[in-house]
C-alpha atoms as a PDB file:
ATOM      1  CA  MET A   1       7.934   2.200  49.274  1.00  0.00           C
ATOM      2  CA  LYS A   2       9.977  -0.998  49.285  1.00  0.00           C
ATOM      3  CA  LYS A   3       6.927  -3.036  48.213  1.00  0.00           C
ATOM      4  CA  ALA A   4       6.209  -0.617  45.365  1.00  0.00           C
ATOM      5  CA  PHE A   5       9.805  -0.881  44.182  1.00  0.00           C
ATOM      6  CA  ILE A   6       9.653  -4.686  44.245  1.00  0.00           C
ATOM      7  CA  PHE A   7       6.397  -4.600  42.285  1.00  0.00           C
ATOM      8  CA  ILE A   8       7.949  -2.405  39.589  1.00  0.00           C
ATOM      9  CA  ILE A   9      10.972  -4.723  39.313  1.00  0.00           C
ATOM     10  CA  LEU A  10       8.703  -7.768  38.963  1.00  0.00           C
ATOM     11  CA  PHE A  11       6.492  -5.967  36.431  1.00  0.00           C
ATOM     12  CA  VAL A  12       9.449  -4.993  34.227  1.00  0.00           C
ATOM     13  CA  SER A  13      11.008  -8.451  34.591  1.00  0.00           C
ATOM     14  CA  PHE A  14       7.769 -10.055  33.425  1.00  0.00           C
ATOM     15  CA  ALA A  15       7.610  -7.735  30.434  1.00  0.00           C
ATOM     16  CA  ILE A  16      11.191  -8.566  29.446  1.00  0.00           C
ATOM     17  CA  SER A  17      10.753 -12.298  29.981  1.00  0.00           C
ATOM     18  CA  SER A  18       7.611 -12.318  27.849  1.00  0.00           C
ATOM     19  CA  ASN A  19       9.428 -10.319  25.178  1.00  0.00           C
ATOM     20  CA  SER A  20       6.678  -7.685  25.138  1.00  0.00           C
ATOM     21  CA  ASN A  21       6.121  -4.112  26.127  1.00  0.00           C
ATOM     22  CA  PRO A  22       3.349  -3.801  28.755  1.00  0.00           C
ATOM     23  CA  PHE A  23       2.462  -0.386  27.348  1.00  0.00           C
ATOM     24  CA  ASP A  24       2.315  -1.623  23.755  1.00  0.00           C
ATOM     25  CA  PHE A  25      -1.086  -2.892  22.660  1.00  0.00           C
ATOM     26  CA  PHE A  26      -0.403  -3.220  18.931  1.00  0.00           C
ATOM     27  CA  LEU A  27      -2.450  -5.885  17.190  1.00  0.00           C
ATOM     28  CA  PHE A  28      -3.036  -6.549  13.517  1.00  0.00           C
ATOM     29  CA  GLN A  29      -5.862  -8.853  12.599  1.00  0.00           C
ATOM     30  CA  LYS A  30      -6.184 -10.053   9.033  1.00  0.00           C
ATOM     31  CA  LYS A  31      -9.613  -9.486   7.524  1.00  0.00           C
ATOM     32  CA  PHE A  32      -9.373 -12.666   5.474  1.00  0.00           C
ATOM     33  CA  ASN A  33      -7.048 -15.665   5.478  1.00  0.00           C
ATOM     34  CA  PHE A  34      -6.186 -16.214   1.853  1.00  0.00           C
ATOM     35  CA  GLY A  35      -4.804 -19.465   0.474  1.00  0.00           C
ATOM     36  CA  LYS A  36      -1.097 -20.078   0.953  1.00  0.00           C
ATOM     37  CA  LEU A  37       0.991 -19.049  -2.033  1.00  0.00           C
ATOM     38  CA  TYR A  38       2.093 -21.830  -4.354  1.00  0.00           C
ATOM     39  CA  TYR A  39       3.846 -21.786  -7.695  1.00  0.00           C
ATOM     40  CA  ASP A  40       2.277 -23.104 -10.880  1.00  0.00           C
ATOM     41  CA  VAL A  41       4.586 -21.453 -13.391  1.00  0.00           C
ATOM     42  CA  GLY A  42       4.649 -23.135 -16.787  1.00  0.00           C
ATOM     43  CA  ALA A  43       7.562 -23.418 -19.185  1.00  0.00           C
ATOM     44  CA  MET A  44       6.161 -20.651 -21.372  1.00  0.00           C
ATOM     45  CA  THR A  45       5.246 -17.358 -19.720  1.00  0.00           C
ATOM     46  CA  PRO A  46       5.024 -13.904 -21.301  1.00  0.00           C
ATOM     47  CA  SER A  47       8.132 -11.739 -21.595  1.00  0.00           C
ATOM     48  CA  LEU A  48       7.871  -8.606 -19.441  1.00  0.00           C
ATOM     49  CA  TYR A  49       9.761  -5.311 -19.345  1.00  0.00           C
ATOM     50  CA  ALA A  50       9.552  -5.094 -15.536  1.00  0.00           C
ATOM     51  CA  LYS A  51      12.670  -5.675 -13.493  1.00  0.00           C
ATOM     52  CA  SER A  52      10.618  -7.721 -11.042  1.00  0.00           C
ATOM     53  CA  ALA A  53       7.080  -9.099 -11.311  1.00  0.00           C
ATOM     54  CA  ILE A  54       4.594 -11.560  -9.904  1.00  0.00           C
ATOM     55  CA  VAL A  55       1.049 -12.466 -10.965  1.00  0.00           C
ATOM     56  CA  GLY A  56      -1.450 -14.829  -9.402  1.00  0.00           C
ATOM     57  CA  GLU A  57      -4.960 -15.529  -8.187  1.00  0.00           C
ATOM     58  CA  ILE A  58      -5.876 -13.564  -5.094  1.00  0.00           C
ATOM     59  CA  ALA A  59      -8.051 -16.108  -3.294  1.00  0.00           C
ATOM     60  CA  ASN A  60      -6.146 -19.372  -3.689  1.00  0.00           C
ATOM     61  CA  GLY A  61      -2.578 -17.987  -3.929  1.00  0.00           C
ATOM     62  CA  ARG A  62      -1.729 -19.701  -7.204  1.00  0.00           C
ATOM     63  CA  ILE A  63       1.281 -17.924  -8.767  1.00  0.00           C
ATOM     64  CA  PHE A  64       1.681 -18.444 -12.520  1.00  0.00           C
ATOM     65  CA  ILE A  65       4.025 -15.606 -13.526  1.00  0.00           C
ATOM     66  CA  SER A  66       7.163 -14.667 -11.612  1.00  0.00           C
ATOM     67  CA  LYS A  67      10.293 -12.727 -12.481  1.00  0.00           C
ATOM     68  CA  ASN A  68      12.956 -11.851  -9.901  1.00  0.00           C
ATOM     69  CA  GLU A  69      10.100 -11.765  -7.404  1.00  0.00           C
ATOM     70  CA  LYS A  70      12.415 -12.088  -4.385  1.00  0.00           C
ATOM     71  CA  GLU A  71      14.686  -9.179  -5.332  1.00  0.00           C
ATOM     72  CA  THR A  72      14.527  -6.316  -2.834  1.00  0.00           C
ATOM     73  CA  LEU A  73      13.813  -3.006  -4.557  1.00  0.00           C
ATOM     74  CA  PRO A  74      12.561   0.522  -3.756  1.00  0.00           C
ATOM     75  CA  ILE A  75       8.778   0.621  -4.187  1.00  0.00           C
ATOM     76  CA  ALA A  76       7.884   4.340  -4.170  1.00  0.00           C
ATOM     77  CA  SER A  77       4.189   5.054  -3.557  1.00  0.00           C
ATOM     78  CA  LEU A  78       3.154   1.409  -3.498  1.00  0.00           C
ATOM     79  CA  THR A  79       4.044   2.053   0.145  1.00  0.00           C
ATOM     80  CA  LYS A  80       0.707   3.846   0.539  1.00  0.00           C
ATOM     81  CA  LEU A  81      -1.209   0.554   0.522  1.00  0.00           C
ATOM     82  CA  LEU A  82       0.545  -0.356   3.760  1.00  0.00           C
ATOM     83  CA  THR A  83      -0.049   3.207   4.986  1.00  0.00           C
ATOM     84  CA  ALA A  84      -3.762   2.632   4.427  1.00  0.00           C
ATOM     85  CA  LEU A  85      -3.679  -0.709   6.260  1.00  0.00           C
ATOM     86  CA  THR A  86      -1.946   0.994   9.182  1.00  0.00           C
ATOM     87  CA  ILE A  87      -4.535   3.795   9.332  1.00  0.00           C
ATOM     88  CA  LEU A  88      -7.460   1.380   9.225  1.00  0.00           C
ATOM     89  CA  ASN A  89      -5.845  -0.920  11.772  1.00  0.00           C
ATOM     90  CA  GLY A  90      -5.395   2.060  14.118  1.00  0.00           C
ATOM     91  CA  LYS A  91      -9.180   2.567  14.148  1.00  0.00           C
ATOM     92  CA  GLN A  92      -8.932   6.346  14.391  1.00  0.00           C
ATOM     93  CA  ASP A  93     -11.965   8.447  13.505  1.00  0.00           C
ATOM     94  CA  LEU A  94     -12.079   8.831   9.717  1.00  0.00           C
ATOM     95  CA  ASP A  95     -14.383  11.851  10.100  1.00  0.00           C
ATOM     96  CA  GLU A  96     -11.945  13.815  12.279  1.00  0.00           C
ATOM     97  CA  LEU A  97     -10.740  17.045  10.645  1.00  0.00           C
ATOM     98  CA  LEU A  98      -6.969  17.326  10.263  1.00  0.00           C
ATOM     99  CA  GLU A  99      -4.901  20.259   9.021  1.00  0.00           C
ATOM    100  CA  ILE A 100      -2.204  20.115   6.365  1.00  0.00           C
ATOM    101  CA  THR A 101       0.745  22.042   7.861  1.00  0.00           C
ATOM    102  CA  ASP A 102       4.340  22.879   6.973  1.00  0.00           C
ATOM    103  CA  GLU A 103       5.333  19.633   8.691  1.00  0.00           C
ATOM    104  CA  ASP A 104       3.623  17.752   5.862  1.00  0.00           C
ATOM    105  CA  ILE A 105       5.724  19.274   3.090  1.00  0.00           C
ATOM    106  CA  ASP A 106       8.007  16.770   1.376  1.00  0.00           C
ATOM    107  CA  THR A 107      11.645  17.527   2.222  1.00  0.00           C
ATOM    108  CA  VAL A 108      13.015  14.271   0.784  1.00  0.00           C
ATOM    109  CA  LYS A 109      12.220  14.759  -2.922  1.00  0.00           C
ATOM    110  CA  ASN A 110      10.745  18.258  -2.690  1.00  0.00           C
ATOM    111  CA  SER A 111       7.710  17.015  -4.577  1.00  0.00           C
ATOM    112  CA  THR A 112       4.893  19.448  -5.214  1.00  0.00           C
ATOM    113  CA  SER A 113       1.281  19.161  -4.082  1.00  0.00           C
ATOM    114  CA  HIS A 114      -2.062  20.553  -5.160  1.00  0.00           C
ATOM    115  CA  ILE A 115      -3.080  20.896  -1.507  1.00  0.00           C
ATOM    116  CA  PRO A 116      -1.911  24.104   0.219  1.00  0.00           C
ATOM    117  CA  THR A 117      -0.937  24.242   3.871  1.00  0.00           C
ATOM    118  CA  GLY A 118      -3.773  25.377   6.094  1.00  0.00           C
ATOM    119  CA  THR A 119      -6.246  23.048   4.346  1.00  0.00           C
ATOM    120  CA  PHE A 120      -8.585  21.085   6.630  1.00  0.00           C
ATOM    121  CA  LEU A 121      -9.773  17.678   5.416  1.00  0.00           C
ATOM    122  CA  THR A 122     -11.101  14.647   7.231  1.00  0.00           C
ATOM    123  CA  ARG A 123      -8.856  11.677   7.901  1.00  0.00           C
ATOM    124  CA  GLY A 124     -10.945   9.697   5.418  1.00  0.00           C
ATOM    125  CA  GLU A 125     -10.517  12.340   2.709  1.00  0.00           C
ATOM    126  CA  LEU A 126      -6.777  12.424   3.306  1.00  0.00           C
ATOM    127  CA  LEU A 127      -6.643   8.649   2.948  1.00  0.00           C
ATOM    128  CA  ASN A 128      -8.705   8.825  -0.235  1.00  0.00           C
ATOM    129  CA  LEU A 129      -6.327  11.386  -1.767  1.00  0.00           C
ATOM    130  CA  ALA A 130      -3.227   9.463  -0.668  1.00  0.00           C
ATOM    131  CA  LEU A 131      -4.498   6.319  -2.399  1.00  0.00           C
ATOM    132  CA  MET A 132      -6.296   7.689  -5.448  1.00  0.00           C
ATOM    133  CA  SER A 133      -4.050  10.640  -6.343  1.00  0.00           C
ATOM    134  CA  SER A 134      -0.930   9.583  -4.405  1.00  0.00           C
ATOM    135  CA  GLU A 135      -0.859  12.917  -2.533  1.00  0.00           C
ATOM    136  CA  ASN A 136       2.248  12.796  -0.338  1.00  0.00           C
ATOM    137  CA  ARG A 137       1.161  15.606   1.972  1.00  0.00           C
ATOM    138  CA  CYS A 138      -1.944  13.619   2.835  1.00  0.00           C
ATOM    139  CA  ALA A 139       0.074  10.522   3.736  1.00  0.00           C
ATOM    140  CA  LEU A 140       2.491  12.581   5.848  1.00  0.00           C
ATOM    141  CA  CYS A 141      -0.406  14.309   7.621  1.00  0.00           C
ATOM    142  CA  LEU A 142      -1.995  10.944   8.399  1.00  0.00           C
ATOM    143  CA  ALA A 143       1.239   9.638   9.899  1.00  0.00           C
ATOM    144  CA  ARG A 144       1.816  12.822  11.925  1.00  0.00           C
ATOM    145  CA  ASN A 145      -1.666  12.543  13.445  1.00  0.00           C
ATOM    146  CA  TYR A 146      -1.363   8.845  14.261  1.00  0.00           C
ATOM    147  CA  LYS A 147      -1.466   7.700  17.862  1.00  0.00           C
ATOM    148  CA  GLY A 148       2.066   8.484  19.081  1.00  0.00           C
ATOM    149  CA  GLY A 149       3.006  10.374  15.924  1.00  0.00           C
ATOM    150  CA  PHE A 150       5.261   9.640  12.962  1.00  0.00           C
ATOM    151  CA  TYR A 151       7.663   7.271  14.738  1.00  0.00           C
ATOM    152  CA  PHE A 152       4.904   4.988  15.992  1.00  0.00           C
ATOM    153  CA  PHE A 153       3.231   5.069  12.588  1.00  0.00           C
ATOM    154  CA  THR A 154       6.291   3.776  10.726  1.00  0.00           C
ATOM    155  CA  ARG A 155       6.919   1.305  13.537  1.00  0.00           C
ATOM    156  CA  ASP A 156       3.415  -0.099  13.087  1.00  0.00           C
ATOM    157  CA  MET A 157       3.818  -0.166   9.316  1.00  0.00           C
ATOM    158  CA  ASN A 158       6.753  -2.509   9.758  1.00  0.00           C
ATOM    159  CA  ARG A 159       4.911  -4.585  12.336  1.00  0.00           C
ATOM    160  CA  ILE A 160       1.957  -5.043  10.017  1.00  0.00           C
ATOM    161  CA  ALA A 161       4.300  -6.033   7.182  1.00  0.00           C
ATOM    162  CA  GLN A 162       5.841  -8.673   9.444  1.00  0.00           C
ATOM    163  CA  SER A 163       2.376  -9.884  10.523  1.00  0.00           C
ATOM    164  CA  ILE A 164       1.390 -10.311   6.879  1.00  0.00           C
ATOM    165  CA  GLY A 165       4.557 -12.256   6.134  1.00  0.00           C
ATOM    166  CA  ALA A 166       6.320  -9.520   4.167  1.00  0.00           C
ATOM    167  CA  ASN A 167       9.628 -10.280   5.864  1.00  0.00           C
ATOM    168  CA  ASN A 168      11.856  -8.706   3.225  1.00  0.00           C
ATOM    169  CA  SER A 169      10.203  -5.292   3.412  1.00  0.00           C
ATOM    170  CA  TYR A 170      11.196  -2.196   5.355  1.00  0.00           C
ATOM    171  CA  PHE A 171       9.534   1.202   5.670  1.00  0.00           C
ATOM    172  CA  VAL A 172      10.783   4.552   6.961  1.00  0.00           C
ATOM    173  CA  ASP A 173       8.017   6.846   5.697  1.00  0.00           C
ATOM    174  CA  PRO A 174       4.322   6.595   4.731  1.00  0.00           C
ATOM    175  CA  CYS A 175       4.814   7.887   1.171  1.00  0.00           C
ATOM    176  CA  GLY A 176       7.619   5.864  -0.373  1.00  0.00           C
ATOM    177  CA  LEU A 177       9.642   8.980  -1.091  1.00  0.00           C
ATOM    178  CA  ALA A 178      12.700   7.561   0.646  1.00  0.00           C
ATOM    179  CA  PRO A 179      14.607   4.892  -1.332  1.00  0.00           C
ATOM    180  CA  LEU A 180      14.940   3.041   1.994  1.00  0.00           C
ATOM    181  CA  ASN A 181      11.299   2.003   1.610  1.00  0.00           C
ATOM    182  CA  VAL A 182      11.939  -1.395   0.055  1.00  0.00           C
ATOM    183  CA  SER A 183      10.115  -4.624  -0.609  1.00  0.00           C
ATOM    184  CA  THR A 184       9.933  -7.515  -3.032  1.00  0.00           C
ATOM    185  CA  ALA A 185       7.261  -8.356  -5.567  1.00  0.00           C
ATOM    186  CA  LEU A 186       6.557 -11.485  -3.522  1.00  0.00           C
ATOM    187  CA  ASP A 187       6.057  -9.478  -0.317  1.00  0.00           C
ATOM    188  CA  LEU A 188       3.929  -6.930  -2.140  1.00  0.00           C
ATOM    189  CA  PHE A 189       1.672  -9.698  -3.416  1.00  0.00           C
ATOM    190  CA  GLU A 190       0.882 -10.524   0.220  1.00  0.00           C
ATOM    191  CA  ILE A 191       0.508  -6.853   1.188  1.00  0.00           C
ATOM    192  CA  GLY A 192      -1.698  -6.356  -1.854  1.00  0.00           C
ATOM    193  CA  ARG A 193      -3.963  -9.248  -0.899  1.00  0.00           C
ATOM    194  CA  GLN A 194      -4.497  -7.803   2.580  1.00  0.00           C
ATOM    195  CA  ALA A 195      -5.203  -4.361   1.105  1.00  0.00           C
ATOM    196  CA  TYR A 196      -7.663  -5.982  -1.317  1.00  0.00           C
ATOM    197  CA  SER A 197      -9.562  -7.416   1.666  1.00  0.00           C
ATOM    198  CA  GLU A 198     -10.405  -3.870   2.837  1.00  0.00           C
ATOM    199  CA  ASP A 199     -13.525  -2.484   1.152  1.00  0.00           C
ATOM    200  CA  LEU A 200     -12.417   1.116   1.730  1.00  0.00           C
ATOM    201  CA  ILE A 201      -9.025   0.584   0.073  1.00  0.00           C
ATOM    202  CA  ARG A 202     -10.632  -1.035  -2.965  1.00  0.00           C
ATOM    203  CA  ASP A 203     -13.076   1.860  -3.170  1.00  0.00           C
ATOM    204  CA  PHE A 204     -10.561   4.696  -2.729  1.00  0.00           C
ATOM    205  CA  THR A 205      -7.976   3.265  -5.143  1.00  0.00           C
ATOM    206  CA  THR A 206     -10.481   2.896  -7.986  1.00  0.00           C
ATOM    207  CA  ARG A 207     -12.153   6.316  -7.781  1.00  0.00           C
ATOM    208  CA  ASP A 208     -11.528   9.097 -10.285  1.00  0.00           C
ATOM    209  CA  ASP A 209     -12.444  12.740 -10.844  1.00  0.00           C
ATOM    210  CA  ILE A 210     -13.616  13.507  -7.304  1.00  0.00           C
ATOM    211  CA  LEU A 211     -14.236  17.020  -5.944  1.00  0.00           C
ATOM    212  CA  PHE A 212     -12.618  17.783  -2.585  1.00  0.00           C
ATOM    213  CA  GLU A 213     -13.504  20.879  -0.591  1.00  0.00           C
ATOM    214  CA  SER A 214     -11.913  21.979   2.674  1.00  0.00           C
ATOM    215  CA  LYS A 215     -13.744  23.253   5.712  1.00  0.00           C
ATOM    216  CA  GLY A 216     -14.647  26.894   5.131  1.00  0.00           C
ATOM    217  CA  LYS A 217     -14.389  26.356   1.367  1.00  0.00           C
ATOM    218  CA  LYS A 218     -10.889  27.836   1.282  1.00  0.00           C
ATOM    219  CA  PHE A 219      -9.754  24.988  -0.933  1.00  0.00           C
ATOM    220  CA  LYS A 220     -11.706  23.296  -3.725  1.00  0.00           C
ATOM    221  CA  ARG A 221     -10.343  21.059  -6.463  1.00  0.00           C
ATOM    222  CA  TYR A 222     -11.083  17.973  -8.550  1.00  0.00           C
ATOM    223  CA  PHE A 223      -8.596  15.112  -8.202  1.00  0.00           C
ATOM    224  CA  GLY A 224      -8.090  12.152 -10.510  1.00  0.00           C
ATOM    225  CA  ASN A 225      -6.570   8.689 -10.329  1.00  0.00           C
ATOM    226  CA  THR A 226      -2.867   8.181 -11.085  1.00  0.00           C
ATOM    227  CA  ASN A 227      -3.715   5.036 -13.057  1.00  0.00           C
ATOM    228  CA  ASP A 228      -5.616   5.487 -16.337  1.00  0.00           C
ATOM    229  CA  ILE A 229      -6.349   1.747 -16.490  1.00  0.00           C
ATOM    230  CA  VAL A 230      -8.887   2.248 -13.684  1.00  0.00           C
ATOM    231  CA  ILE A 231     -11.315   4.057 -15.989  1.00  0.00           C
ATOM    232  CA  ARG A 232     -10.817   1.923 -19.082  1.00  0.00           C
ATOM    233  CA  LYS A 233     -13.872  -0.058 -20.156  1.00  0.00           C
ATOM    234  CA  ASP A 234     -11.847  -3.116 -21.187  1.00  0.00           C
ATOM    235  CA  TRP A 235     -10.638  -3.599 -17.602  1.00  0.00           C
ATOM    236  CA  ILE A 236     -12.528  -4.582 -14.451  1.00  0.00           C
ATOM    237  CA  VAL A 237     -10.225  -3.073 -11.839  1.00  0.00           C
ATOM    238  CA  LYS A 238     -10.764  -4.012  -8.180  1.00  0.00           C
ATOM    239  CA  MET A 239      -7.772  -2.208  -6.629  1.00  0.00           C
ATOM    240  CA  SER A 240      -4.891  -0.101  -7.924  1.00  0.00           C
ATOM    241  CA  LYS A 241      -1.786   1.709  -6.739  1.00  0.00           C
ATOM    242  CA  THR A 242       0.960   3.283  -8.805  1.00  0.00           C
ATOM    243  CA  GLY A 243       4.404   4.438  -7.735  1.00  0.00           C
ATOM    244  CA  TYR A 244       7.294   6.421  -9.132  1.00  0.00           C
ATOM    245  CA  THR A 245      10.641   7.742  -7.951  1.00  0.00           C
ATOM    246  CA  LEU A 246      13.956   7.890  -9.785  1.00  0.00           C
ATOM    247  CA  GLU A 247      15.239   5.001  -7.665  1.00  0.00           C
ATOM    248  CA  ALA A 248      12.153   2.807  -8.014  1.00  0.00           C
ATOM    249  CA  SER A 249      11.177   3.754 -11.592  1.00  0.00           C
ATOM    250  CA  ARG A 250       7.553   2.964 -12.476  1.00  0.00           C
ATOM    251  CA  CYS A 251       5.707   0.514 -10.249  1.00  0.00           C
ATOM    252  CA  LEU A 252       2.196  -0.917 -10.150  1.00  0.00           C
ATOM    253  CA  ILE A 253      -0.037  -3.106  -8.017  1.00  0.00           C
ATOM    254  CA  LEU A 254      -3.307  -3.986  -9.736  1.00  0.00           C
ATOM    255  CA  ALA A 255      -6.168  -6.259  -8.726  1.00  0.00           C
ATOM    256  CA  PHE A 256      -8.486  -7.049 -11.620  1.00  0.00           C
ATOM    257  CA  GLU A 257     -11.139  -9.489 -12.705  1.00  0.00           C
ATOM    258  CA  VAL A 258     -11.067 -11.822 -15.685  1.00  0.00           C
ATOM    259  CA  LYS A 259     -14.090 -14.062 -16.293  1.00  0.00           C
ATOM    260  CA  GLY A 260     -15.227 -14.023 -12.675  1.00  0.00           C
ATOM    261  CA  VAL A 261     -11.810 -14.568 -11.047  1.00  0.00           C
ATOM    262  CA  ASP A 262      -9.801 -11.846  -9.303  1.00  0.00           C
ATOM    263  CA  TYR A 263      -6.069 -11.626 -10.014  1.00  0.00           C
ATOM    264  CA  LEU A 264      -3.250  -9.516  -8.617  1.00  0.00           C
ATOM    265  CA  LEU A 265      -0.188  -8.309 -10.466  1.00  0.00           C
ATOM    266  CA  VAL A 266       2.882  -6.552  -9.086  1.00  0.00           C
ATOM    267  CA  LEU A 267       5.279  -4.780 -11.464  1.00  0.00           C
ATOM    268  CA  LEU A 268       8.499  -3.151 -10.204  1.00  0.00           C
ATOM    269  CA  GLY A 269      11.241  -1.250 -11.982  1.00  0.00           C
ATOM    270  CA  GLU A 270       9.455  -0.343 -15.202  1.00  0.00           C
ATOM    271  CA  ASN A 271      11.446   2.173 -17.286  1.00  0.00           C
ATOM    272  CA  SER A 272       8.402   4.045 -18.586  1.00  0.00           C
ATOM    273  CA  LEU A 273       4.638   4.383 -18.255  1.00  0.00           C
ATOM    274  CA  TRP A 274       4.301   2.785 -21.678  1.00  0.00           C
ATOM    275  CA  GLN A 275       6.269  -0.298 -20.606  1.00  0.00           C
ATOM    276  CA  ARG A 276       4.324  -0.530 -17.338  1.00  0.00           C
ATOM    277  CA  ASP A 277       0.954  -0.420 -19.080  1.00  0.00           C
ATOM    278  CA  LYS A 278       2.163  -2.710 -21.886  1.00  0.00           C
ATOM    279  CA  ASP A 279       3.176  -5.318 -19.301  1.00  0.00           C
ATOM    280  CA  ALA A 280      -0.239  -5.037 -17.648  1.00  0.00           C
ATOM    281  CA  GLU A 281      -1.954  -5.523 -21.018  1.00  0.00           C
ATOM    282  CA  THR A 282       0.271  -8.489 -21.844  1.00  0.00           C
ATOM    283  CA  ILE A 283      -0.547 -10.141 -18.520  1.00  0.00           C
ATOM    284  CA  LYS A 284      -4.289  -9.591 -18.876  1.00  0.00           C
ATOM    285  CA  LYS A 285      -4.352 -11.013 -22.396  1.00  0.00           C
ATOM    286  CA  TRP A 286      -2.234 -13.990 -21.335  1.00  0.00           C
ATOM    287  CA  ILE A 287      -4.664 -14.757 -18.512  1.00  0.00           C
ATOM    288  CA  GLU A 288      -7.617 -14.495 -20.922  1.00  0.00           C
ATOM    289  CA  ASP A 289      -6.002 -16.699 -23.572  1.00  0.00           C
ATOM    290  CA  VAL A 290      -4.029 -19.214 -21.531  1.00  0.00           C
ATOM    291  CA  ILE A 291      -5.003 -19.340 -17.845  1.00  0.00           C
ATOM    292  CA  ARG A 292      -8.770 -19.129 -18.271  1.00  0.00           C
ATOM    293  CA  ALA A 293      -8.614 -21.599 -21.160  1.00  0.00           C
ATOM    294  CA  GLN A 294      -7.302 -24.174 -18.678  1.00  0.00           C
ATOM    295  CA  HIS A 295     -10.509 -23.988 -16.634  1.00  0.00           C
END
């Protein structure tokens, strides 16, 4: 008995001294090590409506547009990109059927959903709907069914953010409904690059008009993408996520291709959909006319 007690004391002491939890096996491994961010912002850059913005090349990290990019702001459903990274990092079965229950109803903003309680969808389908259609019930269901539940899910969201280098970000829910979910455009550029490295995230965020049907066919509905730019023929969109709450206003992360190069833009605090999309158009045209002309 005495030996067992001594062993426990030594075990706990080792855990404390190594600043780790022996029962905590969290690990986040980046899929791709992108180039370190560096600024190449010229004297003349386009005027944007966004409160905060950043634009750059995904692969090499060259930033050529920035506006209040270090200001910490609510980010609404842009949060769901980190939710997706957390789900994929957890390596849970994407084919497992999960049930939408009363626990998945939004009690923060009382937002509505097209998915009734009692609906059974796979984890992969829930992730698809959370990313493509920004369905909050799906994100909440994913977090509730994470290993250890909701608390461990949000804990791992924050750990992944720290691992990525998003040190000025903080998350309390998987949806972005709470105004305490905050980040900076600079941090979101890094989060966006890691999300871009996941084939499934790129696929799910750029789908549109998909039919979802629950087990037993009790629920059947077509869902679309929250970003109309995804289906426009004058854009080559590689990844997309929109966000909106009263606190965050309109937000957007968009990965897109111009003349063979992939770019990422982050727009926060847009006052309207028109201003958000106008900023995106302005940035795309500026890249086509100015940035690509330099190459």
